[in-house]
Amino acid sequence: MDEIIKQIKYPKLLLQIERVVSFHGYLATGAFIGIQMFNIAQAVLGFQEGERICVTCETSNCIPDAFQILAGATIGNNGMRIVDFGKMAVVVNQQVPTGVMSARGIRIYLDPAKTE
């Protein structure tokens, strides 16, 4: 993983990695994937870092930590739900005001066949 980090030239990504590592303890592959999933969701949905979002993680391993640190989405503030299907996948929705019945969202997953 250190070799990958040395190749990253994007300062925002390096800062995100630093923040997640300080929470998670080390840069696990799943935590790195979680950071990338967060960035994809942010690009597609257009939310700002720190803006309230709702996240459903389909694994309890590593990926949720990226969303806890970068989005502040936790189980305690009802911003995160973990439904452990053992998949490297998340569903991210923007929070909407009370009474609004729809929200933009995206499901992002890692296809294991494409990692071989």
PDB file of N, CA and C in Angstrom:
ATOM      1  N   MET A   1       0.823  -1.194   0.000  1.00  0.00           N
ATOM      2  CA  MET A   1       0.000   0.000   0.000  1.00  0.00           C
ATOM      3  C   MET A   1       0.867   1.258   0.000  1.00  0.00           C
ATOM      4  N   ASP A   2       2.036   1.192   0.631  1.00  0.00           N
ATOM      5  CA  ASP A   2       2.929   2.357   0.651  1.00  0.00           C
ATOM      6  C   ASP A   2       3.351   2.770  -0.757  1.00  0.00           C
ATOM      7  N   GLU A   3       3.557   1.788  -1.625  1.00  0.00           N
ATOM      8  CA  GLU A   3       3.940   2.100  -3.007  1.00  0.00           C
ATOM      9  C   GLU A   3       2.826   2.865  -3.719  1.00  0.00           C
ATOM     10  N   ILE A   4       1.590   2.511  -3.437  1.00  0.00           N
ATOM     11  CA  ILE A   4       0.454   3.213  -4.043  1.00  0.00           C
ATOM     12  C   ILE A   4       0.404   4.647  -3.540  1.00  0.00           C
ATOM     13  N   ILE A   5       0.558   4.834  -2.244  1.00  0.00           N
ATOM     14  CA  ILE A   5       0.497   6.176  -1.657  1.00  0.00           C
ATOM     15  C   ILE A   5       1.574   7.081  -2.247  1.00  0.00           C
ATOM     16  N   LYS A   6       2.762   6.540  -2.483  1.00  0.00           N
ATOM     17  CA  LYS A   6       3.856   7.340  -3.059  1.00  0.00           C
ATOM     18  C   LYS A   6       3.526   7.852  -4.460  1.00  0.00           C
ATOM     19  N   GLN A   7       2.638   7.166  -5.155  1.00  0.00           N
ATOM     20  CA  GLN A   7       2.283   7.552  -6.516  1.00  0.00           C
ATOM     21  C   GLN A   7       1.138   8.563  -6.572  1.00  0.00           C
ATOM     22  N   ILE A   8       0.465   8.794  -5.452  1.00  0.00           N
ATOM     23  CA  ILE A   8      -0.675   9.713  -5.435  1.00  0.00           C
ATOM     24  C   ILE A   8      -0.172  11.150  -5.447  1.00  0.00           C
ATOM     25  N   LYS A   9      -0.665  11.919  -6.392  1.00  0.00           N
ATOM     26  CA  LYS A   9      -0.256  13.321  -6.536  1.00  0.00           C
ATOM     27  C   LYS A   9      -1.384  14.286  -6.160  1.00  0.00           C
ATOM     28  N   TYR A  10      -2.544  13.760  -5.825  1.00  0.00           N
ATOM     29  CA  TYR A  10      -3.726  14.569  -5.558  1.00  0.00           C
ATOM     30  C   TYR A  10      -3.768  14.917  -4.067  1.00  0.00           C
ATOM     31  N   PRO A  11      -3.517  16.183  -3.691  1.00  0.00           N
ATOM     32  CA  PRO A  11      -3.420  16.554  -2.272  1.00  0.00           C
ATOM     33  C   PRO A  11      -4.674  16.237  -1.455  1.00  0.00           C
ATOM     34  N   LYS A  12      -5.851  16.407  -2.059  1.00  0.00           N
ATOM     35  CA  LYS A  12      -7.093  16.128  -1.326  1.00  0.00           C
ATOM     36  C   LYS A  12      -7.160  14.652  -0.933  1.00  0.00           C
ATOM     37  N   LEU A  13      -6.802  13.771  -1.858  1.00  0.00           N
ATOM     38  CA  LEU A  13      -6.821  12.335  -1.578  1.00  0.00           C
ATOM     39  C   LEU A  13      -5.804  11.987  -0.495  1.00  0.00           C
ATOM     40  N   LEU A  14      -4.627  12.578  -0.547  1.00  0.00           N
ATOM     41  CA  LEU A  14      -3.617  12.323   0.486  1.00  0.00           C
ATOM     42  C   LEU A  14      -4.112  12.760   1.862  1.00  0.00           C
ATOM     43  N   LEU A  15      -4.798  13.900   1.928  1.00  0.00           N
ATOM     44  CA  LEU A  15      -5.356  14.371   3.197  1.00  0.00           C
ATOM     45  C   LEU A  15      -6.452  13.435   3.693  1.00  0.00           C
ATOM     46  N   GLN A  16      -7.296  12.970   2.784  1.00  0.00           N
ATOM     47  CA  GLN A  16      -8.349  12.026   3.159  1.00  0.00           C
ATOM     48  C   GLN A  16      -7.739  10.736   3.704  1.00  0.00           C
ATOM     49  N   ILE A  17      -6.710  10.244   3.054  1.00  0.00           N
ATOM     50  CA  ILE A  17      -6.032   9.029   3.516  1.00  0.00           C
ATOM     51  C   ILE A  17      -5.474   9.247   4.918  1.00  0.00           C
ATOM     52  N   GLU A  18      -4.830  10.375   5.125  1.00  0.00           N
ATOM     53  CA  GLU A  18      -4.260  10.689   6.440  1.00  0.00           C
ATOM     54  C   GLU A  18      -5.340  10.705   7.524  1.00  0.00           C
ATOM     55  N   ARG A  19      -6.478  11.314   7.227  1.00  0.00           N
ATOM     56  CA  ARG A  19      -7.568  11.394   8.209  1.00  0.00           C
ATOM     57  C   ARG A  19      -8.136  10.012   8.531  1.00  0.00           C
ATOM     58  N   VAL A  20      -8.349   9.196   7.497  1.00  0.00           N
ATOM     59  CA  VAL A  20      -8.920   7.862   7.703  1.00  0.00           C
ATOM     60  C   VAL A  20      -7.926   6.963   8.434  1.00  0.00           C
ATOM     61  N   VAL A  21      -6.650   7.042   8.083  1.00  0.00           N
ATOM     62  CA  VAL A  21      -5.624   6.232   8.754  1.00  0.00           C
ATOM     63  C   VAL A  21      -5.547   6.581  10.235  1.00  0.00           C
ATOM     64  N   SER A  22      -5.653   7.863  10.572  1.00  0.00           N
ATOM     65  CA  SER A  22      -5.570   8.248  11.985  1.00  0.00           C
ATOM     66  C   SER A  22      -6.728   7.664  12.788  1.00  0.00           C
ATOM     67  N   PHE A  23      -7.846   7.396  12.143  1.00  0.00           N
ATOM     68  CA  PHE A  23      -9.000   6.789  12.817  1.00  0.00           C
ATOM     69  C   PHE A  23      -8.930   5.267  12.777  1.00  0.00           C
ATOM     70  N   HIS A  24      -8.669   4.727  11.586  1.00  0.00           N
ATOM     71  CA  HIS A  24      -8.712   3.277  11.378  1.00  0.00           C
ATOM     72  C   HIS A  24      -7.486   2.571  11.959  1.00  0.00           C
ATOM     73  N   GLY A  25      -6.355   3.257  12.001  1.00  0.00           N
ATOM     74  CA  GLY A  25      -5.136   2.672  12.545  1.00  0.00           C
ATOM     75  C   GLY A  25      -4.080   2.382  11.496  1.00  0.00           C
ATOM     76  N   TYR A  26      -4.501   2.057  10.301  1.00  0.00           N
ATOM     77  CA  TYR A  26      -3.592   1.811   9.182  1.00  0.00           C
ATOM     78  C   TYR A  26      -4.427   1.897   7.906  1.00  0.00           C
ATOM     79  N   LEU A  27      -3.775   1.950   6.768  1.00  0.00           N
ATOM     80  CA  LEU A  27      -4.516   2.047   5.512  1.00  0.00           C
ATOM     81  C   LEU A  27      -4.819   0.651   4.984  1.00  0.00           C
ATOM     82  N   ALA A  28      -5.952   0.145   5.400  1.00  0.00           N
ATOM     83  CA  ALA A  28      -6.423  -1.137   4.885  1.00  0.00           C
ATOM     84  C   ALA A  28      -6.946  -0.933   3.465  1.00  0.00           C
ATOM     85  N   THR A  29      -6.907  -1.991   2.682  1.00  0.00           N
ATOM     86  CA  THR A  29      -7.427  -1.916   1.323  1.00  0.00           C
ATOM     87  C   THR A  29      -8.882  -1.467   1.330  1.00  0.00           C
ATOM     88  N   GLY A  30      -9.678  -2.015   2.252  1.00  0.00           N
ATOM     89  CA  GLY A  30     -11.091  -1.645   2.339  1.00  0.00           C
ATOM     90  C   GLY A  30     -11.294  -0.189   2.694  1.00  0.00           C
ATOM     91  N   ALA A  31     -10.443   0.351   3.552  1.00  0.00           N
ATOM     92  CA  ALA A  31     -10.543   1.771   3.906  1.00  0.00           C
ATOM     93  C   ALA A  31     -10.214   2.636   2.694  1.00  0.00           C
ATOM     94  N   PHE A  32      -9.208   2.241   1.915  1.00  0.00           N
ATOM     95  CA  PHE A  32      -8.852   2.979   0.701  1.00  0.00           C
ATOM     96  C   PHE A  32      -9.996   2.929  -0.311  1.00  0.00           C
ATOM     97  N   ILE A  33     -10.597   1.757  -0.456  1.00  0.00           N
ATOM     98  CA  ILE A  33     -11.747   1.621  -1.352  1.00  0.00           C
ATOM     99  C   ILE A  33     -12.899   2.493  -0.850  1.00  0.00           C
ATOM    100  N   GLY A  34     -13.101   2.539   0.464  1.00  0.00           N
ATOM    101  CA  GLY A  34     -14.142   3.393   1.036  1.00  0.00           C
ATOM    102  C   GLY A  34     -13.922   4.863   0.716  1.00  0.00           C
ATOM    103  N   ILE A  35     -12.674   5.306   0.762  1.00  0.00           N
ATOM    104  CA  ILE A  35     -12.353   6.697   0.406  1.00  0.00           C
ATOM    105  C   ILE A  35     -12.729   6.949  -1.051  1.00  0.00           C
ATOM    106  N   GLN A  36     -12.374   6.018  -1.913  1.00  0.00           N
ATOM    107  CA  GLN A  36     -12.687   6.182  -3.333  1.00  0.00           C
ATOM    108  C   GLN A  36     -14.198   6.166  -3.566  1.00  0.00           C
ATOM    109  N   MET A  37     -14.917   5.309  -2.844  1.00  0.00           N
ATOM    110  CA  MET A  37     -16.377   5.273  -2.963  1.00  0.00           C
ATOM    111  C   MET A  37     -16.990   6.594  -2.500  1.00  0.00           C
ATOM    112  N   PHE A  38     -16.451   7.146  -1.420  1.00  0.00           N
ATOM    113  CA  PHE A  38     -16.913   8.449  -0.940  1.00  0.00           C
ATOM    114  C   PHE A  38     -16.718   9.504  -2.028  1.00  0.00           C
ATOM    115  N   ASN A  39     -15.555   9.516  -2.656  1.00  0.00           N
ATOM    116  CA  ASN A  39     -15.265  10.505  -3.697  1.00  0.00           C
ATOM    117  C   ASN A  39     -16.160  10.336  -4.921  1.00  0.00           C
ATOM    118  N   ILE A  40     -16.465   9.107  -5.286  1.00  0.00           N
ATOM    119  CA  ILE A  40     -17.387   8.859  -6.403  1.00  0.00           C
ATOM    120  C   ILE A  40     -18.775   9.384  -6.049  1.00  0.00           C
ATOM    121  N   ALA A  41     -19.257   9.048  -4.855  1.00  0.00           N
ATOM    122  CA  ALA A  41     -20.584   9.514  -4.427  1.00  0.00           C
ATOM    123  C   ALA A  41     -20.639  11.036  -4.400  1.00  0.00           C
ATOM    124  N   GLN A  42     -19.582  11.652  -3.908  1.00  0.00           N
ATOM    125  CA  GLN A  42     -19.529  13.114  -3.833  1.00  0.00           C
ATOM    126  C   GLN A  42     -19.571  13.724  -5.238  1.00  0.00           C
ATOM    127  N   ALA A  43     -18.858  13.141  -6.170  1.00  0.00           N
ATOM    128  CA  ALA A  43     -18.843  13.656  -7.542  1.00  0.00           C
ATOM    129  C   ALA A  43     -20.206  13.503  -8.218  1.00  0.00           C
ATOM    130  N   VAL A  44     -20.863  12.370  -7.996  1.00  0.00           N
ATOM    131  CA  VAL A  44     -22.145  12.112  -8.649  1.00  0.00           C
ATOM    132  C   VAL A  44     -23.280  12.912  -8.006  1.00  0.00           C
ATOM    133  N   LEU A  45     -23.316  12.942  -6.668  1.00  0.00           N
ATOM    134  CA  LEU A  45     -24.428  13.588  -5.961  1.00  0.00           C
ATOM    135  C   LEU A  45     -24.196  15.073  -5.703  1.00  0.00           C
ATOM    136  N   GLY A  46     -22.954  15.500  -5.736  1.00  0.00           N
ATOM    137  CA  GLY A  46     -22.651  16.917  -5.587  1.00  0.00           C
ATOM    138  C   GLY A  46     -22.713  17.466  -4.176  1.00  0.00           C
ATOM    139  N   PHE A  47     -22.581  16.616  -3.163  1.00  0.00           N
ATOM    140  CA  PHE A  47     -22.577  17.120  -1.788  1.00  0.00           C
ATOM    141  C   PHE A  47     -21.174  17.569  -1.399  1.00  0.00           C
ATOM    142  N   GLN A  48     -21.099  18.421  -0.403  1.00  0.00           N
ATOM    143  CA  GLN A  48     -19.816  18.916   0.096  1.00  0.00           C
ATOM    144  C   GLN A  48     -19.349  18.039   1.253  1.00  0.00           C
ATOM    145  N   GLU A  49     -18.051  17.960   1.451  1.00  0.00           N
ATOM    146  CA  GLU A  49     -17.519  17.207   2.586  1.00  0.00           C
ATOM    147  C   GLU A  49     -18.059  17.829   3.866  1.00  0.00           C
ATOM    148  N   GLY A  50     -18.615  17.015   4.731  1.00  0.00           N
ATOM    149  CA  GLY A  50     -19.214  17.499   5.972  1.00  0.00           C
ATOM    150  C   GLY A  50     -20.721  17.680   5.871  1.00  0.00           C
ATOM    151  N   GLU A  51     -21.275  17.713   4.651  1.00  0.00           N
ATOM    152  CA  GLU A  51     -22.724  17.810   4.474  1.00  0.00           C
ATOM    153  C   GLU A  51     -23.353  16.473   4.866  1.00  0.00           C
ATOM    154  N   ARG A  52     -24.517  16.538   5.504  1.00  0.00           N
ATOM    155  CA  ARG A  52     -25.159  15.311   5.981  1.00  0.00           C
ATOM    156  C   ARG A  52     -25.615  14.425   4.828  1.00  0.00           C
ATOM    157  N   ILE A  53     -25.196  13.168   4.898  1.00  0.00           N
ATOM    158  CA  ILE A  53     -25.638  12.159   3.944  1.00  0.00           C
ATOM    159  C   ILE A  53     -26.052  10.919   4.725  1.00  0.00           C
ATOM    160  N   CYS A  54     -26.775  10.046   4.062  1.00  0.00           N
ATOM    161  CA  CYS A  54     -27.145   8.754   4.640  1.00  0.00           C
ATOM    162  C   CYS A  54     -26.399   7.671   3.866  1.00  0.00           C
ATOM    163  N   VAL A  55     -25.783   6.760   4.595  1.00  0.00           N
ATOM    164  CA  VAL A  55     -24.964   5.720   3.983  1.00  0.00           C
ATOM    165  C   VAL A  55     -25.421   4.362   4.493  1.00  0.00           C
ATOM    166  N   THR A  56     -25.601   3.423   3.586  1.00  0.00           N
ATOM    167  CA  THR A  56     -25.810   2.032   3.958  1.00  0.00           C
ATOM    168  C   THR A  56     -24.613   1.257   3.435  1.00  0.00           C
ATOM    169  N   CYS A  57     -23.835   0.700   4.344  1.00  0.00           N
ATOM    170  CA  CYS A  57     -22.664  -0.101   3.977  1.00  0.00           C
ATOM    171  C   CYS A  57     -23.072  -1.564   3.957  1.00  0.00           C
ATOM    172  N   GLU A  58     -22.652  -2.273   2.926  1.00  0.00           N
ATOM    173  CA  GLU A  58     -22.997  -3.682   2.796  1.00  0.00           C
ATOM    174  C   GLU A  58     -21.889  -4.593   3.324  1.00  0.00           C
ATOM    175  N   THR A  59     -20.988  -4.017   4.104  1.00  0.00           N
ATOM    176  CA  THR A  59     -19.964  -4.763   4.831  1.00  0.00           C
ATOM    177  C   THR A  59     -19.668  -4.010   6.114  1.00  0.00           C
ATOM    178  N   SER A  60     -19.232  -4.725   7.118  1.00  0.00           N
ATOM    179  CA  SER A  60     -18.848  -4.057   8.367  1.00  0.00           C
ATOM    180  C   SER A  60     -17.337  -3.837   8.428  1.00  0.00           C
ATOM    181  N   ASN A  61     -16.624  -4.290   7.407  1.00  0.00           N
ATOM    182  CA  ASN A  61     -15.161  -4.223   7.408  1.00  0.00           C
ATOM    183  C   ASN A  61     -14.629  -3.005   6.665  1.00  0.00           C
ATOM    184  N   CYS A  62     -13.981  -2.119   7.367  1.00  0.00           N
ATOM    185  CA  CYS A  62     -13.136  -1.035   6.839  1.00  0.00           C
ATOM    186  C   CYS A  62     -13.858   0.078   6.076  1.00  0.00           C
ATOM    187  N   ILE A  63     -14.681  -0.244   5.098  1.00  0.00           N
ATOM    188  CA  ILE A  63     -15.339   0.780   4.288  1.00  0.00           C
ATOM    189  C   ILE A  63     -16.106   1.785   5.139  1.00  0.00           C
ATOM    190  N   PRO A  64     -16.868   1.346   6.155  1.00  0.00           N
ATOM    191  CA  PRO A  64     -17.623   2.328   6.945  1.00  0.00           C
ATOM    192  C   PRO A  64     -16.754   3.409   7.584  1.00  0.00           C
ATOM    193  N   ASP A  65     -15.522   3.085   7.928  1.00  0.00           N
ATOM    194  CA  ASP A  65     -14.656   4.072   8.584  1.00  0.00           C
ATOM    195  C   ASP A  65     -14.413   5.294   7.707  1.00  0.00           C
ATOM    196  N   ALA A  66     -14.263   5.091   6.408  1.00  0.00           N
ATOM    197  CA  ALA A  66     -14.048   6.226   5.503  1.00  0.00           C
ATOM    198  C   ALA A  66     -15.242   7.170   5.538  1.00  0.00           C
ATOM    199  N   PHE A  67     -16.442   6.620   5.557  1.00  0.00           N
ATOM    200  CA  PHE A  67     -17.643   7.459   5.572  1.00  0.00           C
ATOM    201  C   PHE A  67     -17.850   8.121   6.932  1.00  0.00           C
ATOM    202  N   GLN A  68     -17.446   7.442   7.996  1.00  0.00           N
ATOM    203  CA  GLN A  68     -17.545   8.068   9.320  1.00  0.00           C
ATOM    204  C   GLN A  68     -16.652   9.297   9.402  1.00  0.00           C
ATOM    205  N   ILE A  69     -15.439   9.194   8.912  1.00  0.00           N
ATOM    206  CA  ILE A  69     -14.477  10.290   9.024  1.00  0.00           C
ATOM    207  C   ILE A  69     -14.735  11.383   7.996  1.00  0.00           C
ATOM    208  N   LEU A  70     -14.960  11.025   6.753  1.00  0.00           N
ATOM    209  CA  LEU A  70     -15.076  12.024   5.686  1.00  0.00           C
ATOM    210  C   LEU A  70     -16.458  12.661   5.609  1.00  0.00           C
ATOM    211  N   ALA A  71     -17.490  11.916   6.018  1.00  0.00           N
ATOM    212  CA  ALA A  71     -18.853  12.449   5.916  1.00  0.00           C
ATOM    213  C   ALA A  71     -19.496  12.683   7.273  1.00  0.00           C
ATOM    214  N   GLY A  72     -18.885  12.181   8.328  1.00  0.00           N
ATOM    215  CA  GLY A  72     -19.506  12.314   9.645  1.00  0.00           C
ATOM    216  C   GLY A  72     -20.757  11.468   9.780  1.00  0.00           C
ATOM    217  N   ALA A  73     -20.916  10.483   8.903  1.00  0.00           N
ATOM    218  CA  ALA A  73     -22.078   9.594   8.943  1.00  0.00           C
ATOM    219  C   ALA A  73     -21.773   8.454   9.909  1.00  0.00           C
ATOM    220  N   THR A  74     -22.483   8.422  11.025  1.00  0.00           N
ATOM    221  CA  THR A  74     -22.256   7.375  12.021  1.00  0.00           C
ATOM    222  C   THR A  74     -23.566   6.678  12.341  1.00  0.00           C
ATOM    223  N   ILE A  75     -23.455   5.538  12.974  1.00  0.00           N
ATOM    224  CA  ILE A  75     -24.652   4.833  13.421  1.00  0.00           C
ATOM    225  C   ILE A  75     -25.372   5.677  14.471  1.00  0.00           C
ATOM    226  N   GLY A  76     -24.609   6.327  15.333  1.00  0.00           N
ATOM    227  CA  GLY A  76     -25.186   7.121  16.419  1.00  0.00           C
ATOM    228  C   GLY A  76     -25.980   8.325  15.965  1.00  0.00           C
ATOM    229  N   ASN A  77     -25.605   8.943  14.834  1.00  0.00           N
ATOM    230  CA  ASN A  77     -26.369  10.104  14.361  1.00  0.00           C
ATOM    231  C   ASN A  77     -27.341   9.729  13.238  1.00  0.00           C
ATOM    232  N   ASN A  78     -27.589   8.433  13.087  1.00  0.00           N
ATOM    233  CA  ASN A  78     -28.502   7.892  12.075  1.00  0.00           C
ATOM    234  C   ASN A  78     -28.074   8.218  10.647  1.00  0.00           C
ATOM    235  N   GLY A  79     -26.801   8.503  10.459  1.00  0.00           N
ATOM    236  CA  GLY A  79     -26.296   8.763   9.118  1.00  0.00           C
ATOM    237  C   GLY A  79     -25.757   7.507   8.452  1.00  0.00           C
ATOM    238  N   MET A  80     -25.584   6.434   9.244  1.00  0.00           N
ATOM    239  CA  MET A  80     -25.034   5.201   8.690  1.00  0.00           C
ATOM    240  C   MET A  80     -25.814   3.995   9.186  1.00  0.00           C
ATOM    241  N   ARG A  81     -25.963   3.065   8.263  1.00  0.00           N
ATOM    242  CA  ARG A  81     -26.546   1.773   8.584  1.00  0.00           C
ATOM    243  C   ARG A  81     -25.608   0.729   7.998  1.00  0.00           C
ATOM    244  N   ILE A  82     -25.410  -0.349   8.721  1.00  0.00           N
ATOM    245  CA  ILE A  82     -24.591  -1.443   8.195  1.00  0.00           C
ATOM    246  C   ILE A  82     -25.482  -2.665   8.054  1.00  0.00           C
ATOM    247  N   VAL A  83     -25.574  -3.151   6.830  1.00  0.00           N
ATOM    248  CA  VAL A  83     -26.293  -4.378   6.524  1.00  0.00           C
ATOM    249  C   VAL A  83     -25.240  -5.293   5.909  1.00  0.00           C
ATOM    250  N   ASP A  84     -24.674  -6.159   6.721  1.00  0.00           N
ATOM    251  CA  ASP A  84     -23.486  -6.908   6.316  1.00  0.00           C
ATOM    252  C   ASP A  84     -23.838  -8.076   5.400  1.00  0.00           C
ATOM    253  N   PHE A  85     -23.800  -7.806   4.096  1.00  0.00           N
ATOM    254  CA  PHE A  85     -23.968  -8.848   3.087  1.00  0.00           C
ATOM    255  C   PHE A  85     -22.609  -9.390   2.653  1.00  0.00           C
ATOM    256  N   GLY A  86     -21.531  -8.823   3.231  1.00  0.00           N
ATOM    257  CA  GLY A  86     -20.189  -9.234   2.848  1.00  0.00           C
ATOM    258  C   GLY A  86     -19.773  -8.718   1.482  1.00  0.00           C
ATOM    259  N   LYS A  87     -20.424  -7.654   1.014  1.00  0.00           N
ATOM    260  CA  LYS A  87     -20.102  -7.087  -0.297  1.00  0.00           C
ATOM    261  C   LYS A  87     -19.373  -5.770  -0.116  1.00  0.00           C
ATOM    262  N   MET A  88     -18.476  -5.475  -1.017  1.00  0.00           N
ATOM    263  CA  MET A  88     -17.779  -4.186  -1.025  1.00  0.00           C
ATOM    264  C   MET A  88     -18.691  -3.204  -1.748  1.00  0.00           C
ATOM    265  N   ALA A  89     -19.725  -2.742  -1.028  1.00  0.00           N
ATOM    266  CA  ALA A  89     -20.730  -1.884  -1.649  1.00  0.00           C
ATOM    267  C   ALA A  89     -21.306  -0.919  -0.626  1.00  0.00           C
ATOM    268  N   VAL A  90     -21.732   0.244  -1.131  1.00  0.00           N
ATOM    269  CA  VAL A  90     -22.411   1.239  -0.300  1.00  0.00           C
ATOM    270  C   VAL A  90     -23.555   1.851  -1.103  1.00  0.00           C
ATOM    271  N   VAL A  91     -24.572   2.293  -0.383  1.00  0.00           N
ATOM    272  CA  VAL A  91     -25.638   3.111  -0.956  1.00  0.00           C
ATOM    273  C   VAL A  91     -25.540   4.450  -0.251  1.00  0.00           C
ATOM    274  N   VAL A  92     -25.450   5.521  -1.022  1.00  0.00           N
ATOM    275  CA  VAL A  92     -25.305   6.862  -0.458  1.00  0.00           C
ATOM    276  C   VAL A  92     -26.461   7.719  -0.954  1.00  0.00           C
ATOM    277  N   ASN A  93     -27.151   8.356  -0.004  1.00  0.00           N
ATOM    278  CA  ASN A  93     -28.249   9.270  -0.323  1.00  0.00           C
ATOM    279  C   ASN A  93     -27.974  10.605   0.328  1.00  0.00           C
ATOM    280  N   GLN A  94     -28.393  11.666  -0.339  1.00  0.00           N
ATOM    281  CA  GLN A  94     -28.357  12.969   0.303  1.00  0.00           C
ATOM    282  C   GLN A  94     -29.535  13.042   1.263  1.00  0.00           C
ATOM    283  N   GLN A  95     -29.329  13.668   2.425  1.00  0.00           N
ATOM    284  CA  GLN A  95     -30.437  13.848   3.354  1.00  0.00           C
ATOM    285  C   GLN A  95     -31.353  14.927   2.817  1.00  0.00           C
ATOM    286  N   VAL A  96     -32.638  14.745   3.049  1.00  0.00           N
ATOM    287  CA  VAL A  96     -33.627  15.716   2.583  1.00  0.00           C
ATOM    288  C   VAL A  96     -34.428  16.234   3.769  1.00  0.00           C
ATOM    289  N   PRO A  97     -35.027  17.408   3.629  1.00  0.00           N
ATOM    290  CA  PRO A  97     -35.835  17.951   4.723  1.00  0.00           C
ATOM    291  C   PRO A  97     -37.030  17.055   5.039  1.00  0.00           C
ATOM    292  N   THR A  98     -37.516  17.149   6.255  1.00  0.00           N
ATOM    293  CA  THR A  98     -38.693  16.392   6.676  1.00  0.00           C
ATOM    294  C   THR A  98     -39.849  16.699   5.734  1.00  0.00           C
ATOM    295  N   GLY A  99     -40.550  15.664   5.329  1.00  0.00           N
ATOM    296  CA  GLY A  99     -41.693  15.828   4.442  1.00  0.00           C
ATOM    297  C   GLY A  99     -41.377  15.599   2.980  1.00  0.00           C
ATOM    298  N   VAL A 100     -40.118  15.681   2.610  1.00  0.00           N
ATOM    299  CA  VAL A 100     -39.720  15.418   1.226  1.00  0.00           C
ATOM    300  C   VAL A 100     -39.626  13.905   1.064  1.00  0.00           C
ATOM    301  N   MET A 101     -40.253  13.398   0.027  1.00  0.00           N
ATOM    302  CA  MET A 101     -40.394  11.949  -0.105  1.00  0.00           C
ATOM    303  C   MET A 101     -39.360  11.285  -1.018  1.00  0.00           C
ATOM    304  N   SER A 102     -38.482  12.062  -1.634  1.00  0.00           N
ATOM    305  CA  SER A 102     -37.488  11.427  -2.499  1.00  0.00           C
ATOM    306  C   SER A 102     -36.133  12.103  -2.326  1.00  0.00           C
ATOM    307  N   ALA A 103     -35.110  11.343  -2.610  1.00  0.00           N
ATOM    308  CA  ALA A 103     -33.744  11.857  -2.497  1.00  0.00           C
ATOM    309  C   ALA A 103     -32.898  11.225  -3.595  1.00  0.00           C
ATOM    310  N   ARG A 104     -31.881  11.949  -4.012  1.00  0.00           N
ATOM    311  CA  ARG A 104     -30.938  11.388  -4.971  1.00  0.00           C
ATOM    312  C   ARG A 104     -30.027  10.416  -4.239  1.00  0.00           C
ATOM    313  N   GLY A 105     -29.697   9.337  -4.893  1.00  0.00           N
ATOM    314  CA  GLY A 105     -28.817   8.363  -4.279  1.00  0.00           C
ATOM    315  C   GLY A 105     -28.052   7.578  -5.322  1.00  0.00           C
ATOM    316  N   ILE A 106     -27.072   6.831  -4.842  1.00  0.00           N
ATOM    317  CA  ILE A 106     -26.250   6.012  -5.733  1.00  0.00           C
ATOM    318  C   ILE A 106     -25.780   4.776  -4.967  1.00  0.00           C
ATOM    319  N   ARG A 107     -25.723   3.652  -5.664  1.00  0.00           N
ATOM    320  CA  ARG A 107     -25.111   2.448  -5.105  1.00  0.00           C
ATOM    321  C   ARG A 107     -23.791   2.248  -5.836  1.00  0.00           C
ATOM    322  N   ILE A 108     -22.740   2.094  -5.050  1.00  0.00           N
ATOM    323  CA  ILE A 108     -21.396   1.909  -5.598  1.00  0.00           C
ATOM    324  C   ILE A 108     -20.883   0.569  -5.084  1.00  0.00           C
ATOM    325  N   TYR A 109     -20.373  -0.258  -5.978  1.00  0.00           N
ATOM    326  CA  TYR A 109     -19.854  -1.554  -5.544  1.00  0.00           C
ATOM    327  C   TYR A 109     -18.562  -1.877  -6.280  1.00  0.00           C
ATOM    328  N   LEU A 110     -17.789  -2.727  -5.668  1.00  0.00           N
ATOM    329  CA  LEU A 110     -16.559  -3.222  -6.282  1.00  0.00           C
ATOM    330  C   LEU A 110     -16.847  -4.618  -6.811  1.00  0.00           C
ATOM    331  N   ASP A 111     -16.675  -4.797  -8.100  1.00  0.00           N
ATOM    332  CA  ASP A 111     -16.865  -6.098  -8.732  1.00  0.00           C
ATOM    333  C   ASP A 111     -15.583  -6.903  -8.537  1.00  0.00           C
ATOM    334  N   PRO A 112     -15.622  -7.944  -7.689  1.00  0.00           N
ATOM    335  CA  PRO A 112     -14.400  -8.697  -7.394  1.00  0.00           C
ATOM    336  C   PRO A 112     -13.747  -9.305  -8.636  1.00  0.00           C
ATOM    337  N   ALA A 113     -14.535  -9.634  -9.645  1.00  0.00           N
ATOM    338  CA  ALA A 113     -13.975 -10.234 -10.859  1.00  0.00           C
ATOM    339  C   ALA A 113     -13.029  -9.265 -11.570  1.00  0.00           C
ATOM    340  N   LYS A 114     -13.249  -7.973 -11.381  1.00  0.00           N
ATOM    341  CA  LYS A 114     -12.416  -6.978 -12.061  1.00  0.00           C
ATOM    342  C   LYS A 114     -11.137  -6.659 -11.296  1.00  0.00           C
ATOM    343  N   THR A 115     -10.954  -7.266 -10.143  1.00  0.00           N
ATOM    344  CA  THR A 115      -9.738  -7.024  -9.360  1.00  0.00           C
ATOM    345  C   THR A 115      -8.691  -8.113  -9.578  1.00  0.00           C
ATOM    346  N   GLU A 116      -9.042  -9.128 -10.321  1.00  0.00           N
ATOM    347  CA  GLU A 116      -8.118 -10.252 -10.544  1.00  0.00           C
ATOM    348  C   GLU A 116      -7.065  -9.914 -11.568  1.00  0.00           C
TER     349      GLU A 116
END
